[in-house]
């Protein structure tokens, strides 16, 4: 995971995070498997973002508006695909370790 934040520059700023899920063709040659992995990553993010964002909301109260920009990179070189629960656990761990200050 790679992340940063963008500070508010104008009034049309939206606090909605910009998220990117990437799976390299070199890591996973099959397009079908790459798409499946990206779907699993998106679903894991969707399921975990509310719990993580709510727990971090108290830290950000009173801070200036920022827009998180997050890139999730899949780097595992294994023949078997992980289950959704493995993606959820990893997503939760990564997002709890994220600090945008």
PDB file of N, CA and C in Angstrom:
ATOM      1  N   UNK A   1       0.844  -1.166   0.000  1.00  0.00           N
ATOM      2  CA  UNK A   1       0.000   0.000   0.000  1.00  0.00           C
ATOM      3  C   UNK A   1       0.892   1.233   0.000  1.00  0.00           C
ATOM      4  N   UNK A   2       0.533   2.188  -0.834  1.00  0.00           N
ATOM      5  CA  UNK A   2       1.196   3.481  -0.892  1.00  0.00           C
ATOM      6  C   UNK A   2       0.111   4.521  -0.695  1.00  0.00           C
ATOM      7  N   UNK A   3       0.357   5.519   0.143  1.00  0.00           N
ATOM      8  CA  UNK A   3      -0.676   6.519   0.360  1.00  0.00           C
ATOM      9  C   UNK A   3      -0.079   7.881   0.642  1.00  0.00           C
ATOM     10  N   UNK A   4      -0.902   8.889   0.426  1.00  0.00           N
ATOM     11  CA  UNK A   4      -0.561  10.275   0.736  1.00  0.00           C
ATOM     12  C   UNK A   4      -1.868  11.020   0.924  1.00  0.00           C
ATOM     13  N   UNK A   5      -1.781  12.285   1.243  1.00  0.00           N
ATOM     14  CA  UNK A   5      -2.990  13.088   1.344  1.00  0.00           C
ATOM     15  C   UNK A   5      -2.784  14.384   0.576  1.00  0.00           C
ATOM     16  N   UNK A   6      -3.880  14.926   0.113  1.00  0.00           N
ATOM     17  CA  UNK A   6      -3.864  16.192  -0.606  1.00  0.00           C
ATOM     18  C   UNK A   6      -4.619  17.214   0.219  1.00  0.00           C
ATOM     19  N   UNK A   7      -4.042  18.383   0.406  1.00  0.00           N
ATOM     20  CA  UNK A   7      -4.715  19.437   1.164  1.00  0.00           C
ATOM     21  C   UNK A   7      -5.704  20.158   0.266  1.00  0.00           C
ATOM     22  N   UNK A   8      -6.681  20.795   0.907  1.00  0.00           N
ATOM     23  CA  UNK A   8      -7.718  21.518   0.176  1.00  0.00           C
ATOM     24  C   UNK A   8      -7.115  22.740  -0.507  1.00  0.00           C
ATOM     25  N   UNK A   9      -7.331  22.826  -1.836  1.00  0.00           N
ATOM     26  CA  UNK A   9      -6.825  23.973  -2.589  1.00  0.00           C
ATOM     27  C   UNK A   9      -7.930  24.932  -3.013  1.00  0.00           C
ATOM     28  N   UNK A  10      -9.129  24.386  -3.217  1.00  0.00           N
ATOM     29  CA  UNK A  10     -10.234  25.245  -3.653  1.00  0.00           C
ATOM     30  C   UNK A  10     -11.529  24.782  -2.993  1.00  0.00           C
ATOM     31  N   UNK A  11     -12.617  25.488  -3.276  1.00  0.00           N
ATOM     32  CA  UNK A  11     -13.895  25.200  -2.618  1.00  0.00           C
ATOM     33  C   UNK A  11     -14.602  23.984  -3.199  1.00  0.00           C
ATOM     34  N   UNK A  12     -14.190  23.493  -4.347  1.00  0.00           N
ATOM     35  CA  UNK A  12     -14.829  22.322  -4.950  1.00  0.00           C
ATOM     36  C   UNK A  12     -14.173  21.028  -4.480  1.00  0.00           C
ATOM     37  N   UNK A  13     -13.368  21.120  -3.464  1.00  0.00           N
ATOM     38  CA  UNK A  13     -12.648  19.971  -2.921  1.00  0.00           C
ATOM     39  C   UNK A  13     -13.623  18.964  -2.314  1.00  0.00           C
ATOM     40  N   UNK A  14     -13.372  17.700  -2.542  1.00  0.00           N
ATOM     41  CA  UNK A  14     -14.172  16.633  -1.965  1.00  0.00           C
ATOM     42  C   UNK A  14     -13.283  15.784  -1.079  1.00  0.00           C
ATOM     43  N   UNK A  15     -13.745  15.427   0.116  1.00  0.00           N
ATOM     44  CA  UNK A  15     -12.960  14.630   1.050  1.00  0.00           C
ATOM     45  C   UNK A  15     -13.004  13.147   0.748  1.00  0.00           C
ATOM     46  N   UNK A  16     -13.636  12.755  -0.341  1.00  0.00           N
ATOM     47  CA  UNK A  16     -13.745  11.347  -0.704  1.00  0.00           C
ATOM     48  C   UNK A  16     -12.368  10.850  -1.135  1.00  0.00           C
ATOM     49  N   UNK A  17     -11.931   9.715  -0.607  1.00  0.00           N
ATOM     50  CA  UNK A  17     -10.596   9.228  -0.962  1.00  0.00           C
ATOM     51  C   UNK A  17     -10.497   8.752  -2.409  1.00  0.00           C
ATOM     52  N   UNK A  18      -9.331   8.921  -2.991  1.00  0.00           N
ATOM     53  CA  UNK A  18      -9.032   8.382  -4.319  1.00  0.00           C
ATOM     54  C   UNK A  18      -8.321   7.056  -4.101  1.00  0.00           C
ATOM     55  N   UNK A  19      -8.896   5.976  -4.619  1.00  0.00           N
ATOM     56  CA  UNK A  19      -8.382   4.632  -4.371  1.00  0.00           C
ATOM     57  C   UNK A  19      -8.017   3.975  -5.703  1.00  0.00           C
ATOM     58  N   UNK A  20      -6.892   3.279  -5.735  1.00  0.00           N
ATOM     59  CA  UNK A  20      -6.456   2.544  -6.920  1.00  0.00           C
ATOM     60  C   UNK A  20      -6.048   1.142  -6.494  1.00  0.00           C
ATOM     61  N   UNK A  21      -6.503   0.149  -7.250  1.00  0.00           N
ATOM     62  CA  UNK A  21      -6.121  -1.246  -7.023  1.00  0.00           C
ATOM     63  C   UNK A  21      -5.332  -1.702  -8.237  1.00  0.00           C
ATOM     64  N   UNK A  22      -4.118  -2.191  -8.015  1.00  0.00           N
ATOM     65  CA  UNK A  22      -3.249  -2.554  -9.135  1.00  0.00           C
ATOM     66  C   UNK A  22      -2.702  -3.968  -8.956  1.00  0.00           C
ATOM     67  N   UNK A  23      -2.738  -4.722 -10.075  1.00  0.00           N
ATOM     68  CA  UNK A  23      -2.164  -6.057 -10.119  1.00  0.00           C
ATOM     69  C   UNK A  23      -1.328  -6.115 -11.394  1.00  0.00           C
ATOM     70  N   UNK A  24      -0.053  -6.359 -11.249  1.00  0.00           N
ATOM     71  CA  UNK A  24       0.857  -6.354 -12.379  1.00  0.00           C
ATOM     72  C   UNK A  24       0.665  -7.580 -13.268  1.00  0.00           C
ATOM     73  N   UNK A  25       0.809  -7.363 -14.569  1.00  0.00           N
ATOM     74  CA  UNK A  25       0.748  -8.472 -15.528  1.00  0.00           C
ATOM     75  C   UNK A  25       1.930  -9.419 -15.324  1.00  0.00           C
ATOM     76  N   UNK A  26       3.031  -8.872 -14.869  1.00  0.00           N
ATOM     77  CA  UNK A  26       4.204  -9.699 -14.603  1.00  0.00           C
ATOM     78  C   UNK A  26       3.968 -10.619 -13.398  1.00  0.00           C
ATOM     79  N   UNK A  27       3.263 -10.111 -12.398  1.00  0.00           N
ATOM     80  CA  UNK A  27       2.968 -10.891 -11.197  1.00  0.00           C
ATOM     81  C   UNK A  27       1.916 -11.959 -11.469  1.00  0.00           C
ATOM     82  N   UNK A  28       0.835 -11.563 -12.168  1.00  0.00           N
ATOM     83  CA  UNK A  28      -0.276 -12.476 -12.478  1.00  0.00           C
ATOM     84  C   UNK A  28      -0.538 -12.381 -13.980  1.00  0.00           C
ATOM     85  N   UNK A  29      -0.023 -13.305 -14.779  1.00  0.00           N
ATOM     86  CA  UNK A  29      -0.143 -13.207 -16.235  1.00  0.00           C
ATOM     87  C   UNK A  29      -1.575 -13.308 -16.772  1.00  0.00           C
ATOM     88  N   UNK A  30      -2.427 -14.057 -16.122  1.00  0.00           N
ATOM     89  CA  UNK A  30      -3.784 -14.267 -16.617  1.00  0.00           C
ATOM     90  C   UNK A  30      -4.688 -13.070 -16.293  1.00  0.00           C
ATOM     91  N   UNK A  31      -5.316 -12.504 -17.331  1.00  0.00           N
ATOM     92  CA  UNK A  31      -6.213 -11.364 -17.143  1.00  0.00           C
ATOM     93  C   UNK A  31      -7.410 -11.738 -16.272  1.00  0.00           C
ATOM     94  N   UNK A  32      -7.898 -12.944 -16.408  1.00  0.00           N
ATOM     95  CA  UNK A  32      -9.038 -13.394 -15.612  1.00  0.00           C
ATOM     96  C   UNK A  32      -8.673 -13.380 -14.125  1.00  0.00           C
ATOM     97  N   UNK A  33      -7.490 -13.889 -13.805  1.00  0.00           N
ATOM     98  CA  UNK A  33      -7.047 -13.921 -12.407  1.00  0.00           C
ATOM     99  C   UNK A  33      -6.756 -12.512 -11.880  1.00  0.00           C
ATOM    100  N   UNK A  34      -6.166 -11.642 -12.719  1.00  0.00           N
ATOM    101  CA  UNK A  34      -5.924 -10.258 -12.304  1.00  0.00           C
ATOM    102  C   UNK A  34      -7.227  -9.557 -11.970  1.00  0.00           C
ATOM    103  N   UNK A  35      -8.240  -9.735 -12.819  1.00  0.00           N
ATOM    104  CA  UNK A  35      -9.531  -9.103 -12.569  1.00  0.00           C
ATOM    105  C   UNK A  35     -10.182  -9.654 -11.306  1.00  0.00           C
ATOM    106  N   UNK A  36     -10.058 -10.947 -11.078  1.00  0.00           N
ATOM    107  CA  UNK A  36     -10.622 -11.575  -9.876  1.00  0.00           C
ATOM    108  C   UNK A  36      -9.951 -11.007  -8.620  1.00  0.00           C
ATOM    109  N   UNK A  37      -8.642 -10.862  -8.667  1.00  0.00           N
ATOM    110  CA  UNK A  37      -7.908 -10.312  -7.529  1.00  0.00           C
ATOM    111  C   UNK A  37      -8.342  -8.876  -7.263  1.00  0.00           C
ATOM    112  N   UNK A  38      -8.485  -8.070  -8.314  1.00  0.00           N
ATOM    113  CA  UNK A  38      -8.923  -6.683  -8.128  1.00  0.00           C
ATOM    114  C   UNK A  38     -10.339  -6.617  -7.557  1.00  0.00           C
ATOM    115  N   UNK A  39     -11.214  -7.523  -7.998  1.00  0.00           N
ATOM    116  CA  UNK A  39     -12.573  -7.559  -7.432  1.00  0.00           C
ATOM    117  C   UNK A  39     -12.530  -7.909  -5.950  1.00  0.00           C
ATOM    118  N   UNK A  40     -11.691  -8.877  -5.578  1.00  0.00           N
ATOM    119  CA  UNK A  40     -11.557  -9.249  -4.171  1.00  0.00           C
ATOM    120  C   UNK A  40     -10.984  -8.090  -3.342  1.00  0.00           C
ATOM    121  N   UNK A  41     -10.010  -7.383  -3.892  1.00  0.00           N
ATOM    122  CA  UNK A  41      -9.428  -6.245  -3.187  1.00  0.00           C
ATOM    123  C   UNK A  41     -10.451  -5.128  -2.994  1.00  0.00           C
ATOM    124  N   UNK A  42     -11.235  -4.837  -4.041  1.00  0.00           N
ATOM    125  CA  UNK A  42     -12.276  -3.809  -3.932  1.00  0.00           C
ATOM    126  C   UNK A  42     -13.327  -4.181  -2.900  1.00  0.00           C
ATOM    127  N   UNK A  43     -13.738  -5.438  -2.896  1.00  0.00           N
ATOM    128  CA  UNK A  43     -14.737  -5.897  -1.937  1.00  0.00           C
ATOM    129  C   UNK A  43     -14.181  -5.830  -0.515  1.00  0.00           C
ATOM    130  N   UNK A  44     -12.951  -6.233  -0.307  1.00  0.00           N
ATOM    131  CA  UNK A  44     -12.335  -6.161   1.014  1.00  0.00           C
ATOM    132  C   UNK A  44     -12.256  -4.709   1.484  1.00  0.00           C
ATOM    133  N   UNK A  45     -11.903  -3.794   0.593  1.00  0.00           N
ATOM    134  CA  UNK A  45     -11.855  -2.372   0.942  1.00  0.00           C
ATOM    135  C   UNK A  45     -13.243  -1.873   1.309  1.00  0.00           C
ATOM    136  N   UNK A  46     -14.239  -2.230   0.507  1.00  0.00           N
ATOM    137  CA  UNK A  46     -15.616  -1.789   0.762  1.00  0.00           C
ATOM    138  C   UNK A  46     -16.093  -2.258   2.128  1.00  0.00           C
ATOM    139  N   UNK A  47     -15.778  -3.487   2.487  1.00  0.00           N
ATOM    140  CA  UNK A  47     -16.230  -4.045   3.758  1.00  0.00           C
ATOM    141  C   UNK A  47     -15.473  -3.481   4.960  1.00  0.00           C
ATOM    142  N   UNK A  48     -14.233  -3.097   4.786  1.00  0.00           N
ATOM    143  CA  UNK A  48     -13.407  -2.660   5.911  1.00  0.00           C
ATOM    144  C   UNK A  48     -13.293  -1.149   6.073  1.00  0.00           C
ATOM    145  N   UNK A  49     -13.617  -0.376   5.038  1.00  0.00           N
ATOM    146  CA  UNK A  49     -13.348   1.060   5.112  1.00  0.00           C
ATOM    147  C   UNK A  49     -14.161   1.765   6.190  1.00  0.00           C
ATOM    148  N   UNK A  50     -15.415   1.387   6.398  1.00  0.00           N
ATOM    149  CA  UNK A  50     -16.229   2.081   7.386  1.00  0.00           C
ATOM    150  C   UNK A  50     -15.714   1.886   8.793  1.00  0.00           C
ATOM    151  N   UNK A  51     -15.378   0.654   9.152  1.00  0.00           N
ATOM    152  CA  UNK A  51     -14.898   0.403  10.514  1.00  0.00           C
ATOM    153  C   UNK A  51     -13.574   1.112  10.772  1.00  0.00           C
ATOM    154  N   UNK A  52     -12.697   1.124   9.793  1.00  0.00           N
ATOM    155  CA  UNK A  52     -11.396   1.762   9.972  1.00  0.00           C
ATOM    156  C   UNK A  52     -11.532   3.277   9.961  1.00  0.00           C
ATOM    157  N   UNK A  53     -12.341   3.816   9.048  1.00  0.00           N
ATOM    158  CA  UNK A  53     -12.507   5.268   8.960  1.00  0.00           C
ATOM    159  C   UNK A  53     -13.208   5.813  10.202  1.00  0.00           C
ATOM    160  N   UNK A  54     -14.166   5.079  10.766  1.00  0.00           N
ATOM    161  CA  UNK A  54     -14.855   5.530  11.972  1.00  0.00           C
ATOM    162  C   UNK A  54     -13.908   5.555  13.158  1.00  0.00           C
ATOM    163  N   UNK A  55     -13.042   4.565  13.261  1.00  0.00           N
ATOM    164  CA  UNK A  55     -12.097   4.540  14.372  1.00  0.00           C
ATOM    165  C   UNK A  55     -11.072   5.668  14.247  1.00  0.00           C
ATOM    166  N   UNK A  56     -10.734   6.059  13.023  1.00  0.00           N
ATOM    167  CA  UNK A  56      -9.768   7.146  12.814  1.00  0.00           C
ATOM    168  C   UNK A  56     -10.402   8.516  12.753  1.00  0.00           C
ATOM    169  N   UNK A  57     -11.735   8.594  12.736  1.00  0.00           N
ATOM    170  CA  UNK A  57     -12.414   9.890  12.621  1.00  0.00           C
ATOM    171  C   UNK A  57     -12.168  10.766  13.837  1.00  0.00           C
ATOM    172  N   UNK A  58     -12.083  10.175  15.015  1.00  0.00           N
ATOM    173  CA  UNK A  58     -11.865  10.967  16.223  1.00  0.00           C
ATOM    174  C   UNK A  58     -10.486  11.641  16.206  1.00  0.00           C
ATOM    175  N   UNK A  59      -9.504  11.006  15.574  1.00  0.00           N
ATOM    176  CA  UNK A  59      -8.164  11.584  15.479  1.00  0.00           C
ATOM    177  C   UNK A  59      -8.140  12.818  14.578  1.00  0.00           C
ATOM    178  N   UNK A  60      -9.008  12.824  13.563  1.00  0.00           N
ATOM    179  CA  UNK A  60      -8.966  13.876  12.554  1.00  0.00           C
ATOM    180  C   UNK A  60      -9.897  15.043  12.842  1.00  0.00           C
ATOM    181  N   UNK A  61     -10.652  15.016  13.945  1.00  0.00           N
ATOM    182  CA  UNK A  61     -11.570  16.106  14.250  1.00  0.00           C
ATOM    183  C   UNK A  61     -10.778  17.389  14.456  1.00  0.00           C
ATOM    184  N   UNK A  62     -11.241  18.466  13.835  1.00  0.00           N
ATOM    185  CA  UNK A  62     -10.577  19.749  13.955  1.00  0.00           C
ATOM    186  C   UNK A  62      -9.428  19.945  12.994  1.00  0.00           C
ATOM    187  N   UNK A  63      -9.023  18.912  12.295  1.00  0.00           N
ATOM    188  CA  UNK A  63      -7.926  19.035  11.330  1.00  0.00           C
ATOM    189  C   UNK A  63      -8.471  19.613  10.026  1.00  0.00           C
ATOM    190  N   UNK A  64      -7.589  20.191   9.236  1.00  0.00           N
ATOM    191  CA  UNK A  64      -8.024  20.719   7.950  1.00  0.00           C
ATOM    192  C   UNK A  64      -8.431  19.574   7.022  1.00  0.00           C
ATOM    193  N   UNK A  65      -9.299  19.880   6.067  1.00  0.00           N
ATOM    194  CA  UNK A  65      -9.812  18.857   5.153  1.00  0.00           C
ATOM    195  C   UNK A  65      -8.687  18.324   4.274  1.00  0.00           C
ATOM    196  N   UNK A  66      -8.602  17.016   4.187  1.00  0.00           N
ATOM    197  CA  UNK A  66      -7.590  16.365   3.360  1.00  0.00           C
ATOM    198  C   UNK A  66      -8.248  15.261   2.573  1.00  0.00           C
ATOM    199  N   UNK A  67      -7.685  14.963   1.430  1.00  0.00           N
ATOM    200  CA  UNK A  67      -8.196  13.891   0.585  1.00  0.00           C
ATOM    201  C   UNK A  67      -7.148  12.797   0.509  1.00  0.00           C
ATOM    202  N   UNK A  68      -7.427  11.651   1.122  1.00  0.00           N
ATOM    203  CA  UNK A  68      -6.445  10.567   1.032  1.00  0.00           C
ATOM    204  C   UNK A  68      -6.395   9.966  -0.368  1.00  0.00           C
ATOM    205  N   UNK A  69      -5.211   9.691  -0.844  1.00  0.00           N
ATOM    206  CA  UNK A  69      -4.989   9.023  -2.122  1.00  0.00           C
ATOM    207  C   UNK A  69      -4.231   7.729  -1.810  1.00  0.00           C
ATOM    208  N   UNK A  70      -4.863   6.594  -2.088  1.00  0.00           N
ATOM    209  CA  UNK A  70      -4.325   5.307  -1.671  1.00  0.00           C
ATOM    210  C   UNK A  70      -4.178   4.385  -2.871  1.00  0.00           C
ATOM    211  N   UNK A  71      -3.049   3.694  -2.962  1.00  0.00           N
ATOM    212  CA  UNK A  71      -2.806   2.690  -3.997  1.00  0.00           C
ATOM    213  C   UNK A  71      -2.557   1.357  -3.298  1.00  0.00           C
ATOM    214  N   UNK A  72      -3.346   0.355  -3.650  1.00  0.00           N
ATOM    215  CA  UNK A  72      -3.146  -0.992  -3.138  1.00  0.00           C
ATOM    216  C   UNK A  72      -2.522  -1.823  -4.258  1.00  0.00           C
ATOM    217  N   UNK A  73      -1.319  -2.338  -4.019  1.00  0.00           N
ATOM    218  CA  UNK A  73      -0.598  -3.140  -5.007  1.00  0.00           C
ATOM    219  C   UNK A  73      -0.602  -4.600  -4.571  1.00  0.00           C
ATOM    220  N   UNK A  74      -0.952  -5.490  -5.473  1.00  0.00           N
ATOM    221  CA  UNK A  74      -0.920  -6.920  -5.198  1.00  0.00           C
ATOM    222  C   UNK A  74       0.426  -7.451  -5.654  1.00  0.00           C
ATOM    223  N   UNK A  75       1.176  -8.062  -4.740  1.00  0.00           N
ATOM    224  CA  UNK A  75       2.529  -8.514  -5.080  1.00  0.00           C
ATOM    225  C   UNK A  75       2.748 -10.002  -4.847  1.00  0.00           C
ATOM    226  N   UNK A  76       1.736 -10.713  -4.435  1.00  0.00           N
ATOM    227  CA  UNK A  76       1.892 -12.135  -4.137  1.00  0.00           C
ATOM    228  C   UNK A  76       2.082 -12.934  -5.416  1.00  0.00           C
ATOM    229  N   UNK A  77       3.072 -13.802  -5.433  1.00  0.00           N
ATOM    230  CA  UNK A  77       3.358 -14.642  -6.608  1.00  0.00           C
ATOM    231  C   UNK A  77       3.080 -16.098  -6.263  1.00  0.00           C
ATOM    232  N   UNK A  78       1.822 -16.408  -6.044  1.00  0.00           N
ATOM    233  CA  UNK A  78       1.432 -17.751  -5.670  1.00  0.00           C
ATOM    234  C   UNK A  78       0.381 -18.237  -6.664  1.00  0.00           C
ATOM    235  N   UNK A  79       0.364 -19.532  -6.911  1.00  0.00           N
ATOM    236  CA  UNK A  79      -0.587 -20.088  -7.880  1.00  0.00           C
ATOM    237  C   UNK A  79      -2.024 -20.034  -7.377  1.00  0.00           C
ATOM    238  N   UNK A  80      -2.214 -20.123  -6.049  1.00  0.00           N
ATOM    239  CA  UNK A  80      -3.570 -20.125  -5.512  1.00  0.00           C
ATOM    240  C   UNK A  80      -3.993 -18.711  -5.125  1.00  0.00           C
ATOM    241  N   UNK A  81      -5.258 -18.422  -5.337  1.00  0.00           N
ATOM    242  CA  UNK A  81      -5.803 -17.125  -4.951  1.00  0.00           C
ATOM    243  C   UNK A  81      -6.203 -17.156  -3.484  1.00  0.00           C
ATOM    244  N   UNK A  82      -5.895 -16.092  -2.737  1.00  0.00           N
ATOM    245  CA  UNK A  82      -6.339 -16.028  -1.349  1.00  0.00           C
ATOM    246  C   UNK A  82      -7.864 -15.868  -1.290  1.00  0.00           C
ATOM    247  N   UNK A  83      -8.438 -16.258  -0.185  1.00  0.00           N
ATOM    248  CA  UNK A  83      -9.873 -16.082   0.037  1.00  0.00           C
ATOM    249  C   UNK A  83     -10.159 -14.626   0.390  1.00  0.00           C
ATOM    250  N   UNK A  84     -11.432 -14.250   0.305  1.00  0.00           N
ATOM    251  CA  UNK A  84     -11.839 -12.890   0.629  1.00  0.00           C
ATOM    252  C   UNK A  84     -11.444 -12.522   2.056  1.00  0.00           C
ATOM    253  N   UNK A  85     -11.566 -13.445   2.993  1.00  0.00           N
ATOM    254  CA  UNK A  85     -11.223 -13.145   4.386  1.00  0.00           C
ATOM    255  C   UNK A  85      -9.747 -12.772   4.536  1.00  0.00           C
ATOM    256  N   UNK A  86      -8.871 -13.389   3.772  1.00  0.00           N
ATOM    257  CA  UNK A  86      -7.451 -13.033   3.818  1.00  0.00           C
ATOM    258  C   UNK A  86      -7.244 -11.606   3.324  1.00  0.00           C
ATOM    259  N   UNK A  87      -7.961 -11.228   2.267  1.00  0.00           N
ATOM    260  CA  UNK A  87      -7.882  -9.849   1.775  1.00  0.00           C
ATOM    261  C   UNK A  87      -8.423  -8.875   2.816  1.00  0.00           C
ATOM    262  N   UNK A  88      -9.527  -9.235   3.475  1.00  0.00           N
ATOM    263  CA  UNK A  88     -10.114  -8.363   4.498  1.00  0.00           C
ATOM    264  C   UNK A  88      -9.156  -8.158   5.659  1.00  0.00           C
ATOM    265  N   UNK A  89      -8.528  -9.231   6.116  1.00  0.00           N
ATOM    266  CA  UNK A  89      -7.587  -9.125   7.227  1.00  0.00           C
ATOM    267  C   UNK A  89      -6.411  -8.224   6.865  1.00  0.00           C
ATOM    268  N   UNK A  90      -5.870  -8.414   5.676  1.00  0.00           N
ATOM    269  CA  UNK A  90      -4.738  -7.601   5.233  1.00  0.00           C
ATOM    270  C   UNK A  90      -5.150  -6.147   5.031  1.00  0.00           C
ATOM    271  N   UNK A  91      -6.338  -5.919   4.470  1.00  0.00           N
ATOM    272  CA  UNK A  91      -6.834  -4.564   4.248  1.00  0.00           C
ATOM    273  C   UNK A  91      -7.011  -3.843   5.581  1.00  0.00           C
ATOM    274  N   UNK A  92      -7.576  -4.522   6.564  1.00  0.00           N
ATOM    275  CA  UNK A  92      -7.773  -3.937   7.887  1.00  0.00           C
ATOM    276  C   UNK A  92      -6.426  -3.581   8.520  1.00  0.00           C
ATOM    277  N   UNK A  93      -5.468  -4.494   8.415  1.00  0.00           N
ATOM    278  CA  UNK A  93      -4.141  -4.265   8.989  1.00  0.00           C
ATOM    279  C   UNK A  93      -3.452  -3.068   8.330  1.00  0.00           C
ATOM    280  N   UNK A  94      -3.533  -2.996   7.006  1.00  0.00           N
ATOM    281  CA  UNK A  94      -2.895  -1.896   6.289  1.00  0.00           C
ATOM    282  C   UNK A  94      -3.537  -0.550   6.612  1.00  0.00           C
ATOM    283  N   UNK A  95      -4.856  -0.521   6.622  1.00  0.00           N
ATOM    284  CA  UNK A  95      -5.553   0.751   6.838  1.00  0.00           C
ATOM    285  C   UNK A  95      -5.436   1.235   8.283  1.00  0.00           C
ATOM    286  N   UNK A  96      -5.326   0.331   9.245  1.00  0.00           N
ATOM    287  CA  UNK A  96      -5.146   0.758  10.628  1.00  0.00           C
ATOM    288  C   UNK A  96      -3.750   1.322  10.846  1.00  0.00           C
ATOM    289  N   UNK A  97      -2.786   0.880  10.064  1.00  0.00           N
ATOM    290  CA  UNK A  97      -1.428   1.402  10.177  1.00  0.00           C
ATOM    291  C   UNK A  97      -1.212   2.692   9.423  1.00  0.00           C
ATOM    292  N   UNK A  98      -2.200   3.116   8.671  1.00  0.00           N
ATOM    293  CA  UNK A  98      -2.100   4.323   7.842  1.00  0.00           C
ATOM    294  C   UNK A  98      -2.305   5.563   8.705  1.00  0.00           C
ATOM    295  N   UNK A  99      -1.424   6.538   8.569  1.00  0.00           N
ATOM    296  CA  UNK A  99      -1.541   7.795   9.315  1.00  0.00           C
ATOM    297  C   UNK A  99      -1.445   8.954   8.342  1.00  0.00           C
ATOM    298  N   UNK A 100      -2.525   9.691   8.183  1.00  0.00           N
ATOM    299  CA  UNK A 100      -2.528  10.881   7.327  1.00  0.00           C
ATOM    300  C   UNK A 100      -2.583  12.100   8.228  1.00  0.00           C
ATOM    301  N   UNK A 101      -1.457  12.740   8.416  1.00  0.00           N
ATOM    302  CA  UNK A 101      -1.423  13.927   9.282  1.00  0.00           C
ATOM    303  C   UNK A 101      -0.805  15.083   8.566  1.00  0.00           C
TER     304      UNK A 101
END
